[in-house]
Amino acid sequence: MFEFGSWASHWWKPVLFVVIAGHITNVCVTLFLHRAQTHRGVKFHPLVEIPMRVWLWLTTATKTKEWVACHRKHHAFADRDGDPHSPLLEGLRNIMLKGALYYRDAVRQPGVLEKYGKGTPNDWLERHLLDKRSQLGIFLLLGIDIWLFGFFVGPLVWAVQMIWIPFWAAGVINGVGHALGYRNYDVKDESRNISPIAIWLGGEELHNNHHADPHSAKFAHRKFEFDIGWLYIRLMSLVGLAKVKYAHGVAGHDRDRGGDPTNQVIQPAA
């Protein structure tokens, strides 16, 4: 049994917890929200999908329909007027520090959810808990963190978890991913691959590759690139927990747009 605050007995325990939990959150964002829900490149078994949805509810309070709508709108207007979070338009510093505010403003615009949020879950779990009571999850997480780490360290761990996705996703991916790095493809936006070894952010570091072929469940396009999100998908597919709909460079898959209004054509860089 866990004793109250016992996980704070050594300094490295809360640090390790934050790193592992943060990576799980990044993976749930890229696999469920991004590759499965937004672009329909993969479909997960409920045994995998439901825990990812609940984890995101606990750690981010993100509503699936809002996230999907904002990201589809980003693809539709990438780095042009209408893009919810372009560093080219708003400045890299603003996106890095205030990316979550741009996200909030985008999903509150009239008609955005109806136009770009089609096809997201509308089951009992979504209607009665994950969407309707989205804030309940993060306060439940606060209670869990206090139980594990005590009244002093617990809230600190929780605070880091609360800024995790606003910083790494809304800030780094939407900011650095459109400002710094290398390009494999001359797409119409300024997307960049931040790193060829994409582990920390679940594969999202390969951002230019994704913008070149948004519907692909696989983000690594060249031999020296590694997408850990794709590794997770392949492992789950081997045991029947994931079904790949379309993956770049992999034969036997059909594209399934799934209501996604975006459409880009791959243009190899010179």
C-alpha atoms as a PDB file:
ATOM      1  CA  MET A   1       0.000   0.000   0.000  1.00  0.00           C
ATOM      2  CA  PHE A   2       1.053   3.604  -0.644  1.00  0.00           C
ATOM      3  CA  GLU A   3       1.603   5.780   2.384  1.00  0.00           C
ATOM      4  CA  PHE A   4       0.603   9.428   2.158  1.00  0.00           C
ATOM      5  CA  GLY A   5       3.411  11.444   0.552  1.00  0.00           C
ATOM      6  CA  SER A   6       5.772   8.457   0.359  1.00  0.00           C
ATOM      7  CA  TRP A   7       6.814   9.169  -3.248  1.00  0.00           C
ATOM      8  CA  ALA A   8       8.507  12.378  -2.126  1.00  0.00           C
ATOM      9  CA  SER A   9      11.003  10.531   0.057  1.00  0.00           C
ATOM     10  CA  HIS A  10      13.769  11.053  -2.531  1.00  0.00           C
ATOM     11  CA  TRP A  11      14.194  14.020  -4.884  1.00  0.00           C
ATOM     12  CA  TRP A  12      14.446  11.849  -7.982  1.00  0.00           C
ATOM     13  CA  LYS A  13      11.049  10.189  -7.513  1.00  0.00           C
ATOM     14  CA  PRO A  14       8.878  13.234  -8.378  1.00  0.00           C
ATOM     15  CA  VAL A  15      11.299  14.133 -11.192  1.00  0.00           C
ATOM     16  CA  LEU A  16      11.073  10.644 -12.692  1.00  0.00           C
ATOM     17  CA  PHE A  17       7.304  10.659 -12.237  1.00  0.00           C
ATOM     18  CA  VAL A  18       6.929  13.967 -14.095  1.00  0.00           C
ATOM     19  CA  VAL A  19       9.144  12.782 -16.974  1.00  0.00           C
ATOM     20  CA  ILE A  20       7.352   9.453 -17.427  1.00  0.00           C
ATOM     21  CA  ALA A  21       3.871  10.921 -16.968  1.00  0.00           C
ATOM     22  CA  GLY A  22       4.743  13.774 -19.326  1.00  0.00           C
ATOM     23  CA  HIS A  23       5.877  11.380 -22.036  1.00  0.00           C
ATOM     24  CA  ILE A  24       2.672   9.378 -21.653  1.00  0.00           C
ATOM     25  CA  THR A  25       0.698  12.608 -22.071  1.00  0.00           C
ATOM     26  CA  ASN A  26       2.692  13.514 -25.188  1.00  0.00           C
ATOM     27  CA  VAL A  27       2.061  10.043 -26.602  1.00  0.00           C
ATOM     28  CA  CYS A  28      -1.683  10.238 -25.923  1.00  0.00           C
ATOM     29  CA  VAL A  29      -1.823  13.606 -27.700  1.00  0.00           C
ATOM     30  CA  THR A  30       0.033  12.432 -30.796  1.00  0.00           C
ATOM     31  CA  LEU A  31      -1.586   8.997 -31.057  1.00  0.00           C
ATOM     32  CA  PHE A  32      -5.180   9.651 -30.048  1.00  0.00           C
ATOM     33  CA  LEU A  33      -5.861  13.343 -30.640  1.00  0.00           C
ATOM     34  CA  HIS A  34      -3.567  13.846 -33.610  1.00  0.00           C
ATOM     35  CA  ARG A  35      -3.036  10.710 -35.665  1.00  0.00           C
ATOM     36  CA  ALA A  36      -6.310   8.915 -34.859  1.00  0.00           C
ATOM     37  CA  GLN A  37      -8.916  11.625 -34.296  1.00  0.00           C
ATOM     38  CA  THR A  38      -7.719  14.554 -36.384  1.00  0.00           C
ATOM     39  CA  HIS A  39      -6.278  12.798 -39.424  1.00  0.00           C
ATOM     40  CA  ARG A  40      -7.731   9.280 -39.221  1.00  0.00           C
ATOM     41  CA  GLY A  41      -4.417   7.598 -40.009  1.00  0.00           C
ATOM     42  CA  VAL A  42      -4.956   4.922 -37.358  1.00  0.00           C
ATOM     43  CA  LYS A  43      -7.821   3.484 -35.336  1.00  0.00           C
ATOM     44  CA  PHE A  44      -7.302   2.145 -31.822  1.00  0.00           C
ATOM     45  CA  HIS A  45      -9.124  -0.609 -29.976  1.00  0.00           C
ATOM     46  CA  PRO A  46     -11.289   0.679 -27.081  1.00  0.00           C
ATOM     47  CA  LEU A  47      -8.915  -1.067 -24.654  1.00  0.00           C
ATOM     48  CA  VAL A  48      -6.276   1.458 -25.759  1.00  0.00           C
ATOM     49  CA  GLU A  49      -8.419   4.411 -26.763  1.00  0.00           C
ATOM     50  CA  ILE A  50     -10.438   4.765 -23.559  1.00  0.00           C
ATOM     51  CA  PRO A  51      -7.398   4.847 -21.227  1.00  0.00           C
ATOM     52  CA  MET A  52      -5.791   7.482 -23.479  1.00  0.00           C
ATOM     53  CA  ARG A  53      -8.943   9.596 -23.355  1.00  0.00           C
ATOM     54  CA  VAL A  54      -9.154   9.310 -19.558  1.00  0.00           C
ATOM     55  CA  TRP A  55      -5.442  10.107 -19.171  1.00  0.00           C
ATOM     56  CA  LEU A  56      -5.839  13.271 -21.251  1.00  0.00           C
ATOM     57  CA  TRP A  57      -8.872  14.200 -19.148  1.00  0.00           C
ATOM     58  CA  LEU A  58      -6.769  13.876 -16.000  1.00  0.00           C
ATOM     59  CA  THR A  59      -3.633  15.622 -17.234  1.00  0.00           C
ATOM     60  CA  THR A  60      -4.880  18.290 -19.660  1.00  0.00           C
ATOM     61  CA  ALA A  61      -8.685  18.817 -19.433  1.00  0.00           C
ATOM     62  CA  THR A  62      -8.550  18.837 -23.243  1.00  0.00           C
ATOM     63  CA  LYS A  63     -11.855  18.392 -25.052  1.00  0.00           C
ATOM     64  CA  THR A  64     -11.351  16.141 -28.072  1.00  0.00           C
ATOM     65  CA  LYS A  65     -13.603  18.093 -30.422  1.00  0.00           C
ATOM     66  CA  GLU A  66     -11.889  21.389 -29.592  1.00  0.00           C
ATOM     67  CA  TRP A  67      -8.378  20.007 -30.086  1.00  0.00           C
ATOM     68  CA  VAL A  68      -9.294  18.369 -33.374  1.00  0.00           C
ATOM     69  CA  ALA A  69     -11.071  21.473 -34.685  1.00  0.00           C
ATOM     70  CA  CYS A  70      -8.161  23.760 -33.824  1.00  0.00           C
ATOM     71  CA  HIS A  71      -5.611  21.473 -35.446  1.00  0.00           C
ATOM     72  CA  ARG A  72      -7.628  20.925 -38.625  1.00  0.00           C
ATOM     73  CA  LYS A  73      -8.043  24.680 -38.938  1.00  0.00           C
ATOM     74  CA  HIS A  74      -4.274  25.021 -38.509  1.00  0.00           C
ATOM     75  CA  HIS A  75      -3.703  22.709 -41.476  1.00  0.00           C
ATOM     76  CA  ALA A  76      -6.309  24.486 -43.562  1.00  0.00           C
ATOM     77  CA  PHE A  77      -4.590  27.885 -43.076  1.00  0.00           C
ATOM     78  CA  ALA A  78      -1.045  26.912 -42.071  1.00  0.00           C
ATOM     79  CA  ASP A  79       1.070  30.080 -41.688  1.00  0.00           C
ATOM     80  CA  ARG A  80      -1.581  32.186 -43.444  1.00  0.00           C
ATOM     81  CA  ASP A  81      -4.364  34.426 -42.186  1.00  0.00           C
ATOM     82  CA  GLY A  82      -6.721  32.120 -40.314  1.00  0.00           C
ATOM     83  CA  ASP A  83      -4.034  29.920 -38.774  1.00  0.00           C
ATOM     84  CA  PRO A  84      -4.808  29.730 -35.029  1.00  0.00           C
ATOM     85  CA  HIS A  85      -1.151  29.668 -33.971  1.00  0.00           C
ATOM     86  CA  SER A  86       1.476  30.634 -36.533  1.00  0.00           C
ATOM     87  CA  PRO A  87       4.834  32.037 -35.355  1.00  0.00           C
ATOM     88  CA  LEU A  88       5.179  33.578 -38.807  1.00  0.00           C
ATOM     89  CA  LEU A  89       2.130  35.737 -38.094  1.00  0.00           C
ATOM     90  CA  GLU A  90       2.239  36.126 -34.316  1.00  0.00           C
ATOM     91  CA  GLY A  91       5.961  35.796 -33.577  1.00  0.00           C
ATOM     92  CA  LEU A  92       7.813  32.812 -32.137  1.00  0.00           C
ATOM     93  CA  ARG A  93       8.008  34.311 -28.637  1.00  0.00           C
ATOM     94  CA  ASN A  94       4.247  34.833 -28.458  1.00  0.00           C
ATOM     95  CA  ILE A  95       3.480  31.287 -29.603  1.00  0.00           C
ATOM     96  CA  MET A  96       6.009  29.811 -27.179  1.00  0.00           C
ATOM     97  CA  LEU A  97       4.656  31.740 -24.186  1.00  0.00           C
ATOM     98  CA  LYS A  98       0.991  32.175 -25.075  1.00  0.00           C
ATOM     99  CA  GLY A  99       0.237  29.265 -27.400  1.00  0.00           C
ATOM    100  CA  ALA A 100      -2.559  27.974 -25.161  1.00  0.00           C
ATOM    101  CA  LEU A 101      -4.303  31.355 -25.358  1.00  0.00           C
ATOM    102  CA  TYR A 102      -4.266  31.254 -29.159  1.00  0.00           C
ATOM    103  CA  TYR A 103      -5.754  27.759 -28.976  1.00  0.00           C
ATOM    104  CA  ARG A 104      -8.500  28.962 -26.634  1.00  0.00           C
ATOM    105  CA  ASP A 105      -9.363  31.915 -28.858  1.00  0.00           C
ATOM    106  CA  ALA A 106      -9.532  29.681 -31.950  1.00  0.00           C
ATOM    107  CA  VAL A 107     -11.998  27.154 -30.524  1.00  0.00           C
ATOM    108  CA  ARG A 108     -14.263  29.950 -29.285  1.00  0.00           C
ATOM    109  CA  GLN A 109     -14.719  31.427 -32.754  1.00  0.00           C
ATOM    110  CA  PRO A 110     -18.259  30.898 -34.116  1.00  0.00           C
ATOM    111  CA  GLY A 111     -18.619  27.864 -36.362  1.00  0.00           C
ATOM    112  CA  VAL A 112     -15.117  26.472 -35.817  1.00  0.00           C
ATOM    113  CA  LEU A 113     -16.195  23.393 -33.858  1.00  0.00           C
ATOM    114  CA  GLU A 114     -19.018  22.605 -36.264  1.00  0.00           C
ATOM    115  CA  LYS A 115     -16.845  22.945 -39.369  1.00  0.00           C
ATOM    116  CA  TYR A 116     -13.582  21.384 -38.212  1.00  0.00           C
ATOM    117  CA  GLY A 117     -14.587  19.141 -35.306  1.00  0.00           C
ATOM    118  CA  LYS A 118     -16.635  16.531 -37.152  1.00  0.00           C
ATOM    119  CA  GLY A 119     -16.292  12.847 -36.399  1.00  0.00           C
ATOM    120  CA  THR A 120     -14.997  13.051 -32.829  1.00  0.00           C
ATOM    121  CA  PRO A 121     -16.401  10.791 -30.060  1.00  0.00           C
ATOM    122  CA  ASN A 122     -19.925  11.506 -28.884  1.00  0.00           C
ATOM    123  CA  ASP A 123     -20.466   8.523 -26.591  1.00  0.00           C
ATOM    124  CA  TRP A 124     -21.667   8.502 -22.975  1.00  0.00           C
ATOM    125  CA  LEU A 125     -18.123   8.899 -21.641  1.00  0.00           C
ATOM    126  CA  GLU A 126     -17.491  11.992 -23.738  1.00  0.00           C
ATOM    127  CA  ARG A 127     -20.877  13.634 -23.151  1.00  0.00           C
ATOM    128  CA  HIS A 128     -21.168  13.069 -19.410  1.00  0.00           C
ATOM    129  CA  LEU A 129     -17.577  13.175 -18.184  1.00  0.00           C
ATOM    130  CA  LEU A 130     -14.702  14.031 -20.520  1.00  0.00           C
ATOM    131  CA  ASP A 131     -16.412  17.017 -22.157  1.00  0.00           C
ATOM    132  CA  LYS A 132     -19.145  18.122 -19.757  1.00  0.00           C
ATOM    133  CA  ARG A 133     -16.892  17.809 -16.694  1.00  0.00           C
ATOM    134  CA  SER A 134     -13.518  18.426 -18.313  1.00  0.00           C
ATOM    135  CA  GLN A 135     -12.151  20.399 -15.341  1.00  0.00           C
ATOM    136  CA  LEU A 136     -12.954  17.637 -12.860  1.00  0.00           C
ATOM    137  CA  GLY A 137     -10.109  15.498 -14.175  1.00  0.00           C
ATOM    138  CA  ILE A 138      -7.291  17.905 -13.421  1.00  0.00           C
ATOM    139  CA  PHE A 139      -8.538  18.480  -9.870  1.00  0.00           C
ATOM    140  CA  LEU A 140      -8.752  14.732  -9.368  1.00  0.00           C
ATOM    141  CA  LEU A 141      -5.136  14.591 -10.546  1.00  0.00           C
ATOM    142  CA  LEU A 142      -4.238  17.248  -7.972  1.00  0.00           C
ATOM    143  CA  GLY A 143      -5.641  14.997  -5.274  1.00  0.00           C
ATOM    144  CA  ILE A 144      -3.661  12.029  -6.609  1.00  0.00           C
ATOM    145  CA  ASP A 145      -0.443  14.054  -6.717  1.00  0.00           C
ATOM    146  CA  ILE A 146      -0.952  15.285  -3.143  1.00  0.00           C
ATOM    147  CA  TRP A 147      -1.582  11.721  -1.975  1.00  0.00           C
ATOM    148  CA  LEU A 148       1.590  10.482  -3.682  1.00  0.00           C
ATOM    149  CA  PHE A 149       3.918  13.390  -2.888  1.00  0.00           C
ATOM    150  CA  GLY A 150       2.426  15.259   0.063  1.00  0.00           C
ATOM    151  CA  PHE A 151       1.049  18.770   0.506  1.00  0.00           C
ATOM    152  CA  PHE A 152       4.250  20.559  -0.569  1.00  0.00           C
ATOM    153  CA  VAL A 153       5.701  18.523  -3.450  1.00  0.00           C
ATOM    154  CA  GLY A 154       2.329  17.297  -4.752  1.00  0.00           C
ATOM    155  CA  PRO A 155       1.063  20.707  -5.911  1.00  0.00           C
ATOM    156  CA  LEU A 156       4.454  21.394  -7.537  1.00  0.00           C
ATOM    157  CA  VAL A 157       4.238  18.143  -9.510  1.00  0.00           C
ATOM    158  CA  TRP A 158       0.676  19.022 -10.504  1.00  0.00           C
ATOM    159  CA  ALA A 159       1.687  22.530 -11.632  1.00  0.00           C
ATOM    160  CA  VAL A 160       4.339  21.084 -13.942  1.00  0.00           C
ATOM    161  CA  GLN A 161       1.769  18.693 -15.383  1.00  0.00           C
ATOM    162  CA  MET A 162      -0.639  21.570 -16.000  1.00  0.00           C
ATOM    163  CA  ILE A 163       1.873  23.566 -18.059  1.00  0.00           C
ATOM    164  CA  TRP A 164       3.241  20.488 -19.815  1.00  0.00           C
ATOM    165  CA  ILE A 165       1.054  20.454 -22.937  1.00  0.00           C
ATOM    166  CA  PRO A 166       0.662  24.259 -23.176  1.00  0.00           C
ATOM    167  CA  PHE A 167       4.466  24.446 -23.342  1.00  0.00           C
ATOM    168  CA  TRP A 168       5.454  21.393 -25.373  1.00  0.00           C
ATOM    169  CA  ALA A 169       2.493  21.197 -27.757  1.00  0.00           C
ATOM    170  CA  ALA A 170       1.033  24.689 -27.984  1.00  0.00           C
ATOM    171  CA  GLY A 171       4.471  26.291 -27.620  1.00  0.00           C
ATOM    172  CA  VAL A 172       7.270  24.104 -28.951  1.00  0.00           C
ATOM    173  CA  ILE A 173       5.508  22.136 -31.697  1.00  0.00           C
ATOM    174  CA  ASN A 174       3.374  25.013 -32.948  1.00  0.00           C
ATOM    175  CA  GLY A 175       6.197  27.516 -32.482  1.00  0.00           C
ATOM    176  CA  VAL A 176       9.613  25.928 -32.985  1.00  0.00           C
ATOM    177  CA  GLY A 177       8.076  23.442 -35.423  1.00  0.00           C
ATOM    178  CA  HIS A 178       7.327  26.338 -37.764  1.00  0.00           C
ATOM    179  CA  ALA A 179      10.515  28.304 -37.197  1.00  0.00           C
ATOM    180  CA  LEU A 180      13.614  26.151 -36.614  1.00  0.00           C
ATOM    181  CA  GLY A 181      14.865  22.856 -38.040  1.00  0.00           C
ATOM    182  CA  TYR A 182      15.253  21.143 -41.405  1.00  0.00           C
ATOM    183  CA  ARG A 183      12.793  20.496 -44.217  1.00  0.00           C
ATOM    184  CA  ASN A 184      12.333  17.388 -46.335  1.00  0.00           C
ATOM    185  CA  TYR A 185       9.449  18.916 -48.295  1.00  0.00           C
ATOM    186  CA  ASP A 186       8.642  22.305 -49.833  1.00  0.00           C
ATOM    187  CA  VAL A 187       5.110  22.512 -48.504  1.00  0.00           C
ATOM    188  CA  LYS A 188       3.258  25.820 -48.633  1.00  0.00           C
ATOM    189  CA  ASP A 189       3.790  26.538 -44.933  1.00  0.00           C
ATOM    190  CA  GLU A 190       6.954  27.011 -42.853  1.00  0.00           C
ATOM    191  CA  SER A 191       6.835  23.664 -41.006  1.00  0.00           C
ATOM    192  CA  ARG A 192      10.171  22.201 -39.893  1.00  0.00           C
ATOM    193  CA  ASN A 193      11.461  18.903 -38.538  1.00  0.00           C
ATOM    194  CA  ILE A 194      12.845  19.880 -35.148  1.00  0.00           C
ATOM    195  CA  SER A 195      14.834  16.667 -34.775  1.00  0.00           C
ATOM    196  CA  PRO A 196      15.282  13.497 -36.856  1.00  0.00           C
ATOM    197  CA  ILE A 197      15.137  11.410 -33.662  1.00  0.00           C
ATOM    198  CA  ALA A 198      11.600  11.989 -32.447  1.00  0.00           C
ATOM    199  CA  ILE A 199      11.157  10.492 -28.975  1.00  0.00           C
ATOM    200  CA  TRP A 200      10.454  13.135 -26.345  1.00  0.00           C
ATOM    201  CA  LEU A 201       7.313  14.520 -28.010  1.00  0.00           C
ATOM    202  CA  GLY A 202       6.098  11.145 -29.247  1.00  0.00           C
ATOM    203  CA  GLY A 203       7.156  11.771 -32.853  1.00  0.00           C
ATOM    204  CA  GLU A 204       5.765  15.279 -33.251  1.00  0.00           C
ATOM    205  CA  GLU A 205       9.319  16.562 -33.735  1.00  0.00           C
ATOM    206  CA  LEU A 206       9.005  15.453 -37.389  1.00  0.00           C
ATOM    207  CA  HIS A 207       6.629  18.304 -38.110  1.00  0.00           C
ATOM    208  CA  ASN A 208       7.540  19.067 -41.733  1.00  0.00           C
ATOM    209  CA  ASN A 209       7.031  15.428 -42.661  1.00  0.00           C
ATOM    210  CA  HIS A 210       3.607  15.539 -41.055  1.00  0.00           C
ATOM    211  CA  HIS A 211       2.565  18.675 -42.912  1.00  0.00           C
ATOM    212  CA  ALA A 212       3.676  17.107 -46.185  1.00  0.00           C
ATOM    213  CA  ASP A 213       1.450  14.060 -45.633  1.00  0.00           C
ATOM    214  CA  PRO A 214      -1.010  14.881 -42.820  1.00  0.00           C
ATOM    215  CA  HIS A 215      -3.072  11.698 -43.020  1.00  0.00           C
ATOM    216  CA  SER A 216      -0.130   9.389 -42.455  1.00  0.00           C
ATOM    217  CA  ALA A 217       0.104   7.609 -39.109  1.00  0.00           C
ATOM    218  CA  LYS A 218       3.860   7.417 -39.667  1.00  0.00           C
ATOM    219  CA  PHE A 219       5.890  10.620 -39.337  1.00  0.00           C
ATOM    220  CA  ALA A 220       9.380   9.299 -40.161  1.00  0.00           C
ATOM    221  CA  HIS A 221      10.005   9.509 -43.914  1.00  0.00           C
ATOM    222  CA  ARG A 222      13.759   9.019 -44.263  1.00  0.00           C
ATOM    223  CA  LYS A 223      16.060   6.202 -43.159  1.00  0.00           C
ATOM    224  CA  PHE A 224      17.820   8.271 -40.491  1.00  0.00           C
ATOM    225  CA  GLU A 225      14.556   9.464 -38.912  1.00  0.00           C
ATOM    226  CA  PHE A 226      12.890   7.708 -35.986  1.00  0.00           C
ATOM    227  CA  ASP A 227       9.293   8.219 -34.861  1.00  0.00           C
ATOM    228  CA  ILE A 228       8.612   6.568 -31.526  1.00  0.00           C
ATOM    229  CA  GLY A 229       4.873   7.125 -31.953  1.00  0.00           C
ATOM    230  CA  TRP A 230       4.936   4.920 -35.037  1.00  0.00           C
ATOM    231  CA  LEU A 231       6.840   2.272 -33.038  1.00  0.00           C
ATOM    232  CA  TYR A 232       4.088   2.266 -30.441  1.00  0.00           C
ATOM    233  CA  ILE A 233       1.443   1.955 -33.176  1.00  0.00           C
ATOM    234  CA  ARG A 234       3.249  -0.958 -34.824  1.00  0.00           C
ATOM    235  CA  LEU A 235       3.595  -2.784 -31.494  1.00  0.00           C
ATOM    236  CA  MET A 236      -0.104  -2.311 -30.727  1.00  0.00           C
ATOM    237  CA  SER A 237      -1.101  -3.396 -34.232  1.00  0.00           C
ATOM    238  CA  LEU A 238       0.768  -6.680 -33.739  1.00  0.00           C
ATOM    239  CA  VAL A 239      -1.606  -7.602 -30.897  1.00  0.00           C
ATOM    240  CA  GLY A 240      -4.760  -6.238 -32.524  1.00  0.00           C
ATOM    241  CA  LEU A 241      -4.998  -3.015 -30.494  1.00  0.00           C
ATOM    242  CA  ALA A 242      -4.416  -0.668 -33.456  1.00  0.00           C
ATOM    243  CA  LYS A 243      -5.371  -0.717 -37.128  1.00  0.00           C
ATOM    244  CA  VAL A 244      -3.341   1.486 -39.454  1.00  0.00           C
ATOM    245  CA  LYS A 245      -5.507   3.181 -42.090  1.00  0.00           C
ATOM    246  CA  TYR A 246      -2.694   4.914 -43.951  1.00  0.00           C
ATOM    247  CA  ALA A 247       1.044   5.243 -43.398  1.00  0.00           C
ATOM    248  CA  HIS A 248       3.589   7.033 -45.579  1.00  0.00           C
ATOM    249  CA  GLY A 249       5.624   4.594 -47.639  1.00  0.00           C
ATOM    250  CA  VAL A 250       3.766   1.531 -46.354  1.00  0.00           C
ATOM    251  CA  ALA A 251       1.811  -0.469 -48.932  1.00  0.00           C
ATOM    252  CA  GLY A 252      -1.621  -1.932 -48.339  1.00  0.00           C
ATOM    253  CA  HIS A 253      -3.266   1.006 -46.583  1.00  0.00           C
ATOM    254  CA  ASP A 254      -6.014   3.268 -47.848  1.00  0.00           C
ATOM    255  CA  ARG A 255      -6.348   6.942 -47.058  1.00  0.00           C
ATOM    256  CA  ASP A 256      -9.389   7.687 -44.905  1.00  0.00           C
ATOM    257  CA  ARG A 257     -10.007  11.424 -44.667  1.00  0.00           C
ATOM    258  CA  GLY A 258     -12.621  10.946 -41.930  1.00  0.00           C
ATOM    259  CA  GLY A 259     -14.059  14.465 -42.277  1.00  0.00           C
ATOM    260  CA  ASP A 260     -10.673  16.186 -42.224  1.00  0.00           C
ATOM    261  CA  PRO A 261     -10.986  19.294 -44.446  1.00  0.00           C
ATOM    262  CA  THR A 262      -7.239  19.630 -44.987  1.00  0.00           C
ATOM    263  CA  ASN A 263      -5.454  18.548 -48.141  1.00  0.00           C
ATOM    264  CA  GLN A 264      -1.796  18.944 -48.988  1.00  0.00           C
ATOM    265  CA  VAL A 265       0.332  17.451 -51.728  1.00  0.00           C
ATOM    266  CA  ILE A 266       3.851  16.266 -50.997  1.00  0.00           C
ATOM    267  CA  GLN A 267       6.449  18.401 -52.766  1.00  0.00           C
ATOM    268  CA  PRO A 268      10.015  17.119 -52.209  1.00  0.00           C
ATOM    269  CA  ALA A 269      12.502  19.835 -51.371  1.00  0.00           C
ATOM    270  CA  ALA A 270      15.076  20.680 -53.967  1.00  0.00           C
END
